[in-house]
Protein backbone atom coordinates (compact mmCIF):
# COMPACT_ATOMS: atom_id res chain seq x y z
CA MET A 1 0.74 -0.57 -82.86
CA ALA A 2 0.75 1.93 -80.82
CA LEU A 3 -2.44 3.80 -79.74
CA GLY A 4 -2.08 7.58 -80.94
CA GLU A 5 -3.18 10.39 -79.56
CA HIS A 6 -6.21 10.96 -81.27
CA LEU A 7 -7.62 8.13 -80.58
CA GLN A 8 -6.72 8.09 -77.02
CA ARG A 9 -8.68 10.97 -76.36
CA GLN A 10 -11.33 9.34 -78.48
CA LEU A 11 -10.80 6.50 -75.19
CA GLY A 12 -10.75 8.81 -72.54
CA LYS A 13 -14.31 9.68 -73.23
CA ARG A 14 -16.89 8.56 -70.88
CA TYR A 15 -19.23 6.27 -72.28
CA GLU A 16 -22.33 3.57 -71.45
CA PRO A 17 -21.43 2.00 -68.19
CA SER A 18 -20.74 -2.14 -68.67
CA SER A 19 -21.55 -1.81 -72.05
CA THR A 20 -19.37 -3.24 -75.16
CA ILE A 21 -18.86 0.31 -77.68
CA SER A 22 -18.05 -0.83 -81.59
CA MET A 23 -17.10 1.70 -83.44
CA LYS A 24 -15.19 2.77 -86.89
CA TYR A 25 -11.52 4.12 -86.42
CA LYS A 26 -9.49 5.37 -89.54
CA GLY A 27 -10.07 2.22 -91.54
CA TYR A 28 -9.95 0.30 -88.44
CA ASP A 29 -13.19 -1.66 -86.31
CA LEU A 30 -13.35 -0.96 -82.58
CA SER A 31 -15.16 -3.16 -79.80
CA PHE A 32 -14.52 -1.46 -76.08
CA LYS A 33 -15.83 -2.54 -73.04
CA THR A 34 -16.14 -0.29 -70.07
CA ASP A 35 -15.51 -0.25 -66.03
CA ALA A 36 -19.35 0.66 -63.98
CA GLU A 37 -18.48 4.52 -64.49
CA GLY A 38 -18.35 4.21 -67.92
CA ASN A 39 -14.94 4.45 -69.06
CA PRO A 40 -12.87 2.52 -71.20
CA VAL A 41 -11.48 -0.69 -70.21
CA ILE A 42 -10.37 -3.59 -72.57
CA LEU A 43 -10.04 -2.26 -75.97
CA PHE A 44 -10.08 -4.87 -79.10
CA ILE A 45 -8.59 -3.24 -82.82
CA GLY A 46 -8.11 -4.79 -85.80
CA LYS A 47 -10.38 -5.93 -88.30
CA ALA A 48 -13.77 -7.21 -87.45
CA ASP A 49 -15.22 -10.74 -89.71
CA ALA A 50 -17.83 -11.45 -90.73
CA ALA A 51 -19.58 -12.84 -87.25
CA GLY A 52 -18.31 -9.40 -85.65
CA MET A 53 -15.32 -10.56 -84.57
CA ILE A 54 -11.75 -8.58 -84.43
CA LYS A 55 -9.13 -9.91 -85.77
CA GLY A 56 -6.10 -7.98 -84.07
CA GLU A 57 -4.67 -6.89 -81.13
CA ARG A 58 -5.97 -6.18 -77.69
CA TYR A 59 -5.61 -3.62 -74.62
CA THR A 60 -5.80 -3.04 -71.29
CA ARG A 61 -6.56 -0.01 -69.19
CA THR A 62 -4.89 0.81 -65.98
CA LEU A 63 -6.97 3.29 -64.36
CA LYS A 64 -6.46 3.90 -60.35
CA ALA A 65 -7.66 7.06 -58.86
CA ASP A 66 -6.87 8.04 -55.23
CA SER A 67 -9.61 8.40 -52.44
CA ARG A 68 -10.49 12.51 -53.52
CA GLY A 69 -11.19 10.69 -57.65
CA VAL A 70 -8.00 12.42 -58.34
CA ILE A 71 -6.47 10.12 -60.65
CA ILE A 72 -3.09 9.16 -60.44
CA LYS A 73 -2.93 6.34 -63.16
CA ASP A 74 -3.83 6.19 -66.72
CA HIS A 75 -2.74 4.19 -69.37
CA TRP A 76 -2.99 1.31 -71.67
CA ASP A 77 -0.78 -1.90 -71.92
CA LEU A 78 -0.70 -4.54 -75.32
CA LYS A 79 -1.58 -7.54 -74.05
CA GLY A 80 -1.39 -9.63 -77.92
CA LYS A 81 -2.95 -10.56 -80.81
CA ALA A 82 -7.02 -10.88 -79.84
């Protein structure tokens, strides 16, 4: 499953730093972990089971900035089944 434009916009926002956020998106359950700045860096997308664990796919984000803080690389990589 490729990440759509709308989902990437949702993941482009800043959230609470160093936390795990869970939400619903178009019938899927999402859970992502944020870095110290509040950027989502690990994403789990699929269906949550009774224990809250998501069965689906796992993505990681490559986010690099230069010395001025300007983002020079930002993309999501599919890492496999979750």
